[in-house]
Amino acid sequence: MNTSVIENEVPALKTSEVLTEIPQQKKRILIVESDSQGARKLALQVGSAAYDVITHDAANAVAAAKKLPPDLVIVDLSMLGEAGFGLAARIQQTVLWCVPTMFVAATTEPELRKKAELFEAVGFFEGAYDAKELVSAIELALREEDSEETVESLDVPQPMEQ
């Protein structure tokens, strides 16, 4: 009987090599915008940062979120006003988790900002906002969401002592 150990002829992969071979899925951003020109502009701004961008009007946003759950939602309050907060809440109820949500508004109404804070939005942009700041806020929100998910997945229950 031969008891010699056969060496593996395939070289071991380094951890960094394994991680780089896993294709990264693009994060999906749902933009809810009633104005088609505004939707296109916002989609170009966000899409330029290599996100998968989906735009829908308020009437179709909830169904779209159910079909393809987003990683982040941007709701334009310019035409929706305060009803945009209810729409964002319905999207979260539909996907059954707290989707990071940002709000944008063409106006500078203090009440909208207060409601966004109560909603615990990850961002609120009003007036003539800077597109680079919006994209930076999206990146930060998604990074924070990913790190929270990593921590939660590492939270393994310990066996009970007897």
N, C-alpha and C. Protein backbone atom coordinates (compact mmCIF):
# COMPACT_ATOMS: atom_id res chain seq x y z
N MET A 1 0.85 -1.17 0.00
CA MET A 1 0.00 0.00 0.00
C MET A 1 0.89 1.22 0.00
N ASN A 2 0.61 2.14 -0.91
CA ASN A 2 1.41 3.36 -1.02
C ASN A 2 0.81 4.42 -0.11
N THR A 3 1.60 4.90 0.83
CA THR A 3 1.12 5.91 1.77
C THR A 3 1.74 7.27 1.52
N SER A 4 2.36 7.45 0.38
CA SER A 4 2.98 8.76 0.10
C SER A 4 1.89 9.80 -0.18
N VAL A 5 2.21 11.00 0.18
CA VAL A 5 1.28 12.11 -0.02
C VAL A 5 1.51 12.68 -1.40
N ILE A 6 0.45 12.82 -2.15
CA ILE A 6 0.56 13.40 -3.49
C ILE A 6 0.37 14.89 -3.37
N GLU A 7 1.34 15.65 -3.86
CA GLU A 7 1.26 17.10 -3.79
C GLU A 7 0.25 17.60 -4.81
N ASN A 8 -0.48 18.58 -4.43
CA ASN A 8 -1.45 19.20 -5.32
C ASN A 8 -0.69 19.96 -6.40
N GLU A 9 -0.96 19.65 -7.66
CA GLU A 9 -0.24 20.30 -8.75
C GLU A 9 -0.79 21.68 -9.08
N VAL A 10 -1.96 22.02 -8.57
CA VAL A 10 -2.55 23.33 -8.80
C VAL A 10 -2.05 24.26 -7.71
N PRO A 11 -1.38 25.35 -8.08
CA PRO A 11 -0.88 26.25 -7.04
C PRO A 11 -2.03 26.88 -6.26
N ALA A 12 -1.81 27.06 -4.98
CA ALA A 12 -2.84 27.67 -4.13
C ALA A 12 -3.05 29.12 -4.53
N LEU A 13 -4.30 29.53 -4.55
CA LEU A 13 -4.62 30.91 -4.88
C LEU A 13 -4.49 31.77 -3.64
N LYS A 14 -3.96 32.93 -3.83
CA LYS A 14 -3.90 33.89 -2.73
C LYS A 14 -5.30 34.44 -2.52
N THR A 15 -5.58 34.88 -1.30
CA THR A 15 -6.90 35.43 -0.99
C THR A 15 -7.25 36.58 -1.92
N SER A 16 -6.29 37.45 -2.19
CA SER A 16 -6.56 38.60 -3.06
C SER A 16 -6.92 38.16 -4.47
N GLU A 17 -6.32 37.04 -4.94
CA GLU A 17 -6.64 36.55 -6.27
C GLU A 17 -8.07 36.00 -6.31
N VAL A 18 -8.47 35.34 -5.26
CA VAL A 18 -9.81 34.78 -5.20
C VAL A 18 -10.84 35.90 -5.20
N LEU A 19 -10.61 36.92 -4.41
CA LEU A 19 -11.56 38.02 -4.31
C LEU A 19 -11.69 38.79 -5.61
N THR A 20 -10.60 38.95 -6.34
CA THR A 20 -10.68 39.72 -7.57
C THR A 20 -11.36 38.94 -8.69
N GLU A 21 -11.43 37.62 -8.56
CA GLU A 21 -12.06 36.83 -9.60
C GLU A 21 -13.58 36.78 -9.44
N ILE A 22 -14.10 37.20 -8.30
CA ILE A 22 -15.54 37.21 -8.08
C ILE A 22 -16.12 38.45 -8.75
N PRO A 23 -17.00 38.29 -9.73
CA PRO A 23 -17.54 39.47 -10.39
C PRO A 23 -18.41 40.29 -9.44
N GLN A 24 -18.17 41.57 -9.43
CA GLN A 24 -18.93 42.47 -8.58
C GLN A 24 -20.21 42.88 -9.30
N GLN A 25 -21.33 42.66 -8.65
CA GLN A 25 -22.61 43.06 -9.23
C GLN A 25 -22.79 44.55 -9.00
N LYS A 26 -23.24 45.23 -10.04
CA LYS A 26 -23.50 46.66 -9.91
C LYS A 26 -24.63 46.90 -8.94
N LYS A 27 -24.49 47.94 -8.14
CA LYS A 27 -25.57 48.31 -7.22
C LYS A 27 -26.69 48.93 -8.03
N ARG A 28 -27.91 48.59 -7.67
CA ARG A 28 -29.09 49.07 -8.39
C ARG A 28 -29.69 50.27 -7.67
N ILE A 29 -29.84 51.37 -8.40
CA ILE A 29 -30.41 52.59 -7.88
C ILE A 29 -31.75 52.83 -8.57
N LEU A 30 -32.80 52.97 -7.77
CA LEU A 30 -34.13 53.29 -8.30
C LEU A 30 -34.35 54.79 -8.13
N ILE A 31 -34.59 55.47 -9.23
CA ILE A 31 -34.89 56.90 -9.20
C ILE A 31 -36.38 57.07 -9.48
N VAL A 32 -37.06 57.74 -8.54
CA VAL A 32 -38.48 58.01 -8.71
C VAL A 32 -38.61 59.49 -9.05
N GLU A 33 -39.02 59.73 -10.28
CA GLU A 33 -39.07 61.10 -10.82
C GLU A 33 -40.24 61.19 -11.78
N SER A 34 -41.11 62.14 -11.59
CA SER A 34 -42.29 62.29 -12.45
C SER A 34 -42.00 63.02 -13.75
N ASP A 35 -40.94 63.79 -13.79
CA ASP A 35 -40.57 64.55 -14.98
C ASP A 35 -39.53 63.75 -15.77
N SER A 36 -39.84 63.41 -17.02
CA SER A 36 -38.94 62.56 -17.81
C SER A 36 -37.58 63.21 -18.05
N GLN A 37 -37.54 64.53 -18.26
CA GLN A 37 -36.25 65.22 -18.44
C GLN A 37 -35.43 65.18 -17.15
N GLY A 38 -36.10 65.41 -16.04
CA GLY A 38 -35.42 65.35 -14.75
C GLY A 38 -34.91 63.95 -14.45
N ALA A 39 -35.70 62.95 -14.81
CA ALA A 39 -35.30 61.56 -14.61
C ALA A 39 -34.07 61.23 -15.43
N ARG A 40 -34.06 61.68 -16.67
CA ARG A 40 -32.92 61.43 -17.55
C ARG A 40 -31.65 62.09 -17.02
N LYS A 41 -31.77 63.34 -16.58
CA LYS A 41 -30.62 64.08 -16.04
C LYS A 41 -30.07 63.39 -14.79
N LEU A 42 -30.95 63.03 -13.88
CA LEU A 42 -30.53 62.37 -12.65
C LEU A 42 -29.93 61.00 -12.94
N ALA A 43 -30.52 60.27 -13.88
CA ALA A 43 -29.99 58.96 -14.26
C ALA A 43 -28.60 59.06 -14.85
N LEU A 44 -28.35 60.09 -15.66
CA LEU A 44 -27.01 60.29 -16.23
C LEU A 44 -26.00 60.62 -15.14
N GLN A 45 -26.39 61.45 -14.19
CA GLN A 45 -25.49 61.81 -13.09
C GLN A 45 -25.11 60.58 -12.27
N VAL A 46 -26.09 59.79 -11.91
CA VAL A 46 -25.86 58.62 -11.08
C VAL A 46 -25.23 57.49 -11.89
N GLY A 47 -25.69 57.29 -13.10
CA GLY A 47 -25.16 56.24 -13.96
C GLY A 47 -23.71 56.44 -14.34
N SER A 48 -23.25 57.68 -14.34
CA SER A 48 -21.85 57.96 -14.66
C SER A 48 -20.91 57.37 -13.62
N ALA A 49 -21.43 57.04 -12.45
CA ALA A 49 -20.62 56.44 -11.39
C ALA A 49 -20.72 54.91 -11.41
N ALA A 50 -21.14 54.35 -12.54
CA ALA A 50 -21.18 52.90 -12.77
C ALA A 50 -22.22 52.16 -11.92
N TYR A 51 -23.35 52.80 -11.69
CA TYR A 51 -24.46 52.12 -11.02
C TYR A 51 -25.47 51.70 -12.06
N ASP A 52 -26.23 50.68 -11.73
CA ASP A 52 -27.32 50.23 -12.58
C ASP A 52 -28.53 51.09 -12.19
N VAL A 53 -28.93 52.00 -13.06
CA VAL A 53 -29.96 52.98 -12.74
C VAL A 53 -31.27 52.62 -13.42
N ILE A 54 -32.34 52.65 -12.62
CA ILE A 54 -33.69 52.40 -13.13
C ILE A 54 -34.52 53.63 -12.76
N THR A 55 -35.25 54.19 -13.71
CA THR A 55 -36.11 55.33 -13.41
C THR A 55 -37.57 54.95 -13.61
N HIS A 56 -38.39 55.43 -12.71
CA HIS A 56 -39.83 55.22 -12.81
C HIS A 56 -40.56 56.42 -12.26
N ASP A 57 -41.78 56.59 -12.73
CA ASP A 57 -42.62 57.64 -12.14
C ASP A 57 -43.26 57.07 -10.88
N ALA A 58 -43.94 57.92 -10.14
CA ALA A 58 -44.52 57.52 -8.85
C ALA A 58 -45.52 56.38 -9.00
N ALA A 59 -46.25 56.36 -10.10
CA ALA A 59 -47.29 55.34 -10.30
C ALA A 59 -46.71 53.94 -10.46
N ASN A 60 -45.48 53.83 -10.97
CA ASN A 60 -44.89 52.52 -11.25
C ASN A 60 -43.73 52.14 -10.34
N ALA A 61 -43.32 53.02 -9.45
CA ALA A 61 -42.11 52.81 -8.66
C ALA A 61 -42.21 51.62 -7.71
N VAL A 62 -43.34 51.46 -7.04
CA VAL A 62 -43.49 50.37 -6.07
C VAL A 62 -43.43 49.02 -6.78
N ALA A 63 -44.12 48.89 -7.90
CA ALA A 63 -44.10 47.63 -8.66
C ALA A 63 -42.70 47.34 -9.18
N ALA A 64 -41.99 48.37 -9.61
CA ALA A 64 -40.62 48.20 -10.09
C ALA A 64 -39.70 47.73 -8.97
N ALA A 65 -39.87 48.29 -7.78
CA ALA A 65 -39.05 47.89 -6.63
C ALA A 65 -39.33 46.45 -6.22
N LYS A 66 -40.57 46.03 -6.38
CA LYS A 66 -40.93 44.65 -6.04
C LYS A 66 -40.29 43.69 -7.04
N LYS A 67 -40.30 44.07 -8.30
CA LYS A 67 -39.75 43.21 -9.35
C LYS A 67 -38.23 43.12 -9.26
N LEU A 68 -37.56 44.26 -9.10
CA LEU A 68 -36.10 44.32 -9.00
C LEU A 68 -35.74 45.17 -7.78
N PRO A 69 -35.62 44.57 -6.60
CA PRO A 69 -35.35 45.36 -5.40
C PRO A 69 -34.08 46.19 -5.53
N PRO A 70 -34.20 47.48 -5.24
CA PRO A 70 -33.04 48.37 -5.38
C PRO A 70 -32.13 48.32 -4.15
N ASP A 71 -30.90 48.75 -4.35
CA ASP A 71 -29.95 48.88 -3.24
C ASP A 71 -30.07 50.26 -2.60
N LEU A 72 -30.61 51.21 -3.36
CA LEU A 72 -30.81 52.57 -2.88
C LEU A 72 -31.91 53.21 -3.71
N VAL A 73 -32.69 54.09 -3.08
CA VAL A 73 -33.78 54.78 -3.78
C VAL A 73 -33.55 56.28 -3.68
N ILE A 74 -33.78 56.96 -4.80
CA ILE A 74 -33.76 58.42 -4.82
C ILE A 74 -35.15 58.87 -5.24
N VAL A 75 -35.79 59.68 -4.40
CA VAL A 75 -37.13 60.18 -4.70
C VAL A 75 -37.05 61.69 -4.90
N ASP A 76 -37.52 62.15 -6.05
CA ASP A 76 -37.58 63.58 -6.32
C ASP A 76 -38.89 64.12 -5.77
N LEU A 77 -38.78 65.03 -4.83
CA LEU A 77 -39.96 65.59 -4.18
C LEU A 77 -40.52 66.81 -4.92
N SER A 78 -39.87 67.23 -5.99
CA SER A 78 -40.27 68.46 -6.67
C SER A 78 -41.73 68.44 -7.11
N MET A 79 -42.17 67.35 -7.68
CA MET A 79 -43.56 67.25 -8.11
C MET A 79 -44.42 66.48 -7.12
N LEU A 80 -43.80 65.57 -6.37
CA LEU A 80 -44.54 64.73 -5.45
C LEU A 80 -44.82 65.42 -4.11
N GLY A 81 -43.94 66.33 -3.72
CA GLY A 81 -44.09 67.00 -2.43
C GLY A 81 -44.05 65.99 -1.30
N GLU A 82 -44.86 66.22 -0.29
CA GLU A 82 -44.86 65.36 0.89
C GLU A 82 -45.33 63.94 0.57
N ALA A 83 -46.06 63.76 -0.52
CA ALA A 83 -46.50 62.41 -0.90
C ALA A 83 -45.32 61.51 -1.24
N GLY A 84 -44.18 62.11 -1.56
CA GLY A 84 -42.97 61.34 -1.86
C GLY A 84 -42.49 60.51 -0.68
N PHE A 85 -42.73 61.00 0.54
CA PHE A 85 -42.32 60.26 1.74
C PHE A 85 -43.16 59.00 1.90
N GLY A 86 -44.45 59.11 1.63
CA GLY A 86 -45.33 57.95 1.69
C GLY A 86 -44.95 56.92 0.63
N LEU A 87 -44.59 57.40 -0.54
CA LEU A 87 -44.17 56.51 -1.62
C LEU A 87 -42.89 55.77 -1.21
N ALA A 88 -41.93 56.49 -0.64
CA ALA A 88 -40.69 55.86 -0.19
C ALA A 88 -40.96 54.80 0.87
N ALA A 89 -41.88 55.07 1.77
CA ALA A 89 -42.26 54.09 2.80
C ALA A 89 -42.89 52.86 2.17
N ARG A 90 -43.73 53.05 1.16
CA ARG A 90 -44.36 51.90 0.47
C ARG A 90 -43.31 51.05 -0.24
N ILE A 91 -42.31 51.69 -0.81
CA ILE A 91 -41.22 50.94 -1.47
C ILE A 91 -40.52 50.07 -0.43
N GLN A 92 -40.22 50.63 0.73
CA GLN A 92 -39.55 49.85 1.77
C GLN A 92 -40.42 48.70 2.25
N GLN A 93 -41.71 48.93 2.38
CA GLN A 93 -42.62 47.85 2.79
C GLN A 93 -42.68 46.75 1.74
N THR A 94 -42.59 47.14 0.49
CA THR A 94 -42.66 46.18 -0.61
C THR A 94 -41.44 45.27 -0.65
N VAL A 95 -40.25 45.85 -0.45
CA VAL A 95 -39.03 45.04 -0.54
C VAL A 95 -38.68 44.40 0.80
N LEU A 96 -39.45 44.72 1.84
CA LEU A 96 -39.33 44.10 3.16
C LEU A 96 -38.01 44.37 3.88
N TRP A 97 -37.38 45.47 3.58
CA TRP A 97 -36.20 45.89 4.35
C TRP A 97 -36.03 47.39 4.19
N CYS A 98 -35.21 47.95 5.02
CA CYS A 98 -35.02 49.41 5.04
C CYS A 98 -34.03 49.80 3.95
N VAL A 99 -34.55 50.13 2.80
CA VAL A 99 -33.71 50.53 1.67
C VAL A 99 -33.17 51.94 1.94
N PRO A 100 -31.85 52.14 1.83
CA PRO A 100 -31.34 53.50 1.98
C PRO A 100 -32.05 54.41 0.97
N THR A 101 -32.55 55.53 1.47
CA THR A 101 -33.34 56.43 0.63
C THR A 101 -32.82 57.84 0.71
N MET A 102 -32.75 58.49 -0.46
CA MET A 102 -32.36 59.89 -0.57
C MET A 102 -33.52 60.64 -1.19
N PHE A 103 -33.58 61.91 -0.84
CA PHE A 103 -34.60 62.77 -1.43
C PHE A 103 -33.91 63.96 -2.08
N VAL A 104 -34.44 64.37 -3.24
CA VAL A 104 -33.98 65.59 -3.91
C VAL A 104 -35.21 66.47 -4.12
N ALA A 105 -34.98 67.78 -4.07
CA ALA A 105 -36.09 68.73 -4.26
C ALA A 105 -35.54 69.98 -4.94
N ALA A 106 -36.29 70.49 -5.88
CA ALA A 106 -35.88 71.71 -6.58
C ALA A 106 -36.02 72.93 -5.68
N THR A 107 -36.92 72.85 -4.73
CA THR A 107 -37.17 73.99 -3.84
C THR A 107 -36.40 73.80 -2.53
N THR A 108 -36.42 74.85 -1.73
CA THR A 108 -35.77 74.79 -0.42
C THR A 108 -36.82 75.02 0.66
N GLU A 109 -37.69 74.04 0.85
CA GLU A 109 -38.72 74.11 1.87
C GLU A 109 -38.23 73.44 3.15
N PRO A 110 -38.13 74.18 4.25
CA PRO A 110 -37.64 73.61 5.50
C PRO A 110 -38.45 72.39 5.98
N GLU A 111 -39.73 72.37 5.68
CA GLU A 111 -40.57 71.25 6.11
C GLU A 111 -40.16 69.94 5.45
N LEU A 112 -39.75 70.01 4.18
CA LEU A 112 -39.31 68.80 3.49
C LEU A 112 -38.05 68.24 4.13
N ARG A 113 -37.12 69.11 4.47
CA ARG A 113 -35.88 68.68 5.13
C ARG A 113 -36.19 68.01 6.46
N LYS A 114 -37.10 68.60 7.24
CA LYS A 114 -37.47 68.02 8.53
C LYS A 114 -38.08 66.63 8.35
N LYS A 115 -38.95 66.50 7.35
CA LYS A 115 -39.58 65.20 7.10
C LYS A 115 -38.55 64.17 6.65
N ALA A 116 -37.56 64.60 5.86
CA ALA A 116 -36.49 63.69 5.43
C ALA A 116 -35.68 63.22 6.63
N GLU A 117 -35.45 64.10 7.59
CA GLU A 117 -34.73 63.72 8.80
C GLU A 117 -35.55 62.71 9.61
N LEU A 118 -36.86 62.94 9.73
CA LEU A 118 -37.72 62.00 10.44
C LEU A 118 -37.77 60.64 9.74
N PHE A 119 -37.70 60.67 8.43
CA PHE A 119 -37.70 59.44 7.63
C PHE A 119 -36.38 58.67 7.79
N GLU A 120 -35.38 59.36 8.31
CA GLU A 120 -34.02 58.84 8.44
C GLU A 120 -33.40 58.58 7.07
N ALA A 121 -33.60 59.56 6.18
CA ALA A 121 -33.01 59.48 4.85
C ALA A 121 -31.50 59.54 4.94
N VAL A 122 -30.83 58.86 4.02
CA VAL A 122 -29.37 58.89 3.99
C VAL A 122 -28.84 60.12 3.27
N GLY A 123 -29.74 60.90 2.68
CA GLY A 123 -29.34 62.13 2.01
C GLY A 123 -30.55 62.97 1.64
N PHE A 124 -30.34 64.29 1.64
CA PHE A 124 -31.37 65.22 1.21
C PHE A 124 -30.68 66.34 0.45
N PHE A 125 -31.05 66.52 -0.80
CA PHE A 125 -30.45 67.53 -1.65
C PHE A 125 -31.54 68.45 -2.15
N GLU A 126 -31.31 69.75 -2.03
CA GLU A 126 -32.33 70.71 -2.44
C GLU A 126 -31.71 71.81 -3.30
N GLY A 127 -32.59 72.47 -4.03
CA GLY A 127 -32.14 73.56 -4.89
C GLY A 127 -31.22 73.05 -5.99
N ALA A 128 -30.23 73.85 -6.34
CA ALA A 128 -29.26 73.48 -7.37
C ALA A 128 -28.11 72.74 -6.69
N TYR A 129 -28.30 71.45 -6.47
CA TYR A 129 -27.29 70.65 -5.78
C TYR A 129 -26.18 70.23 -6.74
N ASP A 130 -25.04 69.88 -6.18
CA ASP A 130 -23.88 69.44 -6.95
C ASP A 130 -23.98 67.93 -7.21
N ALA A 131 -23.92 67.54 -8.47
CA ALA A 131 -24.05 66.12 -8.84
C ALA A 131 -22.94 65.28 -8.21
N LYS A 132 -21.74 65.84 -8.09
CA LYS A 132 -20.63 65.09 -7.48
C LYS A 132 -20.92 64.81 -6.01
N GLU A 133 -21.53 65.76 -5.32
CA GLU A 133 -21.89 65.55 -3.92
C GLU A 133 -22.96 64.46 -3.80
N LEU A 134 -23.89 64.45 -4.73
CA LEU A 134 -24.93 63.42 -4.73
C LEU A 134 -24.31 62.04 -4.90
N VAL A 135 -23.43 61.90 -5.87
CA VAL A 135 -22.79 60.61 -6.13
C VAL A 135 -21.93 60.20 -4.93
N SER A 136 -21.24 61.14 -4.32
CA SER A 136 -20.43 60.83 -3.13
C SER A 136 -21.32 60.34 -1.99
N ALA A 137 -22.47 60.97 -1.82
CA ALA A 137 -23.41 60.55 -0.77
C ALA A 137 -23.95 59.15 -1.05
N ILE A 138 -24.19 58.84 -2.31
CA ILE A 138 -24.66 57.50 -2.69
C ILE A 138 -23.58 56.47 -2.35
N GLU A 139 -22.35 56.76 -2.75
CA GLU A 139 -21.24 55.84 -2.48
C GLU A 139 -21.09 55.59 -0.98
N LEU A 140 -21.16 56.66 -0.19
CA LEU A 140 -21.03 56.54 1.26
C LEU A 140 -22.17 55.70 1.84
N ALA A 141 -23.39 55.96 1.42
CA ALA A 141 -24.55 55.23 1.93
C ALA A 141 -24.45 53.74 1.59
N LEU A 142 -24.02 53.42 0.38
CA LEU A 142 -23.91 52.02 -0.01
C LEU A 142 -22.76 51.31 0.70
N ARG A 143 -21.66 52.04 0.91
CA ARG A 143 -20.55 51.47 1.68
C ARG A 143 -20.98 51.16 3.11
N GLU A 144 -21.69 52.10 3.72
CA GLU A 144 -22.18 51.88 5.09
C GLU A 144 -23.15 50.71 5.14
N GLU A 145 -24.01 50.60 4.16
CA GLU A 145 -24.97 49.50 4.09
C GLU A 145 -24.24 48.17 3.95
N ASP A 146 -23.22 48.13 3.09
CA ASP A 146 -22.44 46.90 2.92
C ASP A 146 -21.71 46.52 4.20
N SER A 147 -21.15 47.50 4.90
CA SER A 147 -20.42 47.18 6.13
C SER A 147 -21.38 46.70 7.22
N GLU A 148 -22.59 47.25 7.28
CA GLU A 148 -23.58 46.77 8.25
C GLU A 148 -23.99 45.34 7.94
N GLU A 149 -24.16 45.01 6.67
CA GLU A 149 -24.52 43.65 6.29
C GLU A 149 -23.40 42.68 6.63
N THR A 150 -22.14 43.09 6.45
CA THR A 150 -21.01 42.24 6.77
C THR A 150 -20.97 41.96 8.27
N VAL A 151 -21.18 42.98 9.08
CA VAL A 151 -21.18 42.79 10.53
C VAL A 151 -22.32 41.86 10.94
N GLU A 152 -23.49 42.06 10.35
CA GLU A 152 -24.63 41.20 10.67
C GLU A 152 -24.38 39.76 10.27
N SER A 153 -23.72 39.52 9.14
CA SER A 153 -23.47 38.17 8.70
C SER A 153 -22.41 37.49 9.57
N LEU A 154 -21.56 38.26 10.23
CA LEU A 154 -20.55 37.71 11.12
C LEU A 154 -21.10 37.45 12.51
N ASP A 155 -22.28 37.93 12.78
CA ASP A 155 -22.91 37.75 14.09
C ASP A 155 -23.50 36.34 14.20
N VAL A 156 -22.65 35.37 14.46
CA VAL A 156 -23.08 33.99 14.54
C VAL A 156 -23.46 33.68 15.98
N PRO A 157 -24.64 33.13 16.22
CA PRO A 157 -25.03 32.80 17.58
C PRO A 157 -24.10 31.75 18.18
N GLN A 158 -23.74 31.94 19.42
CA GLN A 158 -22.87 30.99 20.13
C GLN A 158 -23.73 29.87 20.71
N PRO A 159 -23.19 28.63 20.75
CA PRO A 159 -23.94 27.53 21.34
C PRO A 159 -24.15 27.78 22.84
N MET A 160 -25.27 27.32 23.32
CA MET A 160 -25.57 27.50 24.74
C MET A 160 -24.74 26.53 25.58
N GLU A 161 -24.27 27.02 26.72
CA GLU A 161 -23.50 26.17 27.63
C GLU A 161 -24.46 25.28 28.40
N GLN A 162 -24.03 24.07 28.67
CA GLN A 162 -24.89 23.13 29.39
C GLN A 162 -24.46 22.97 30.82
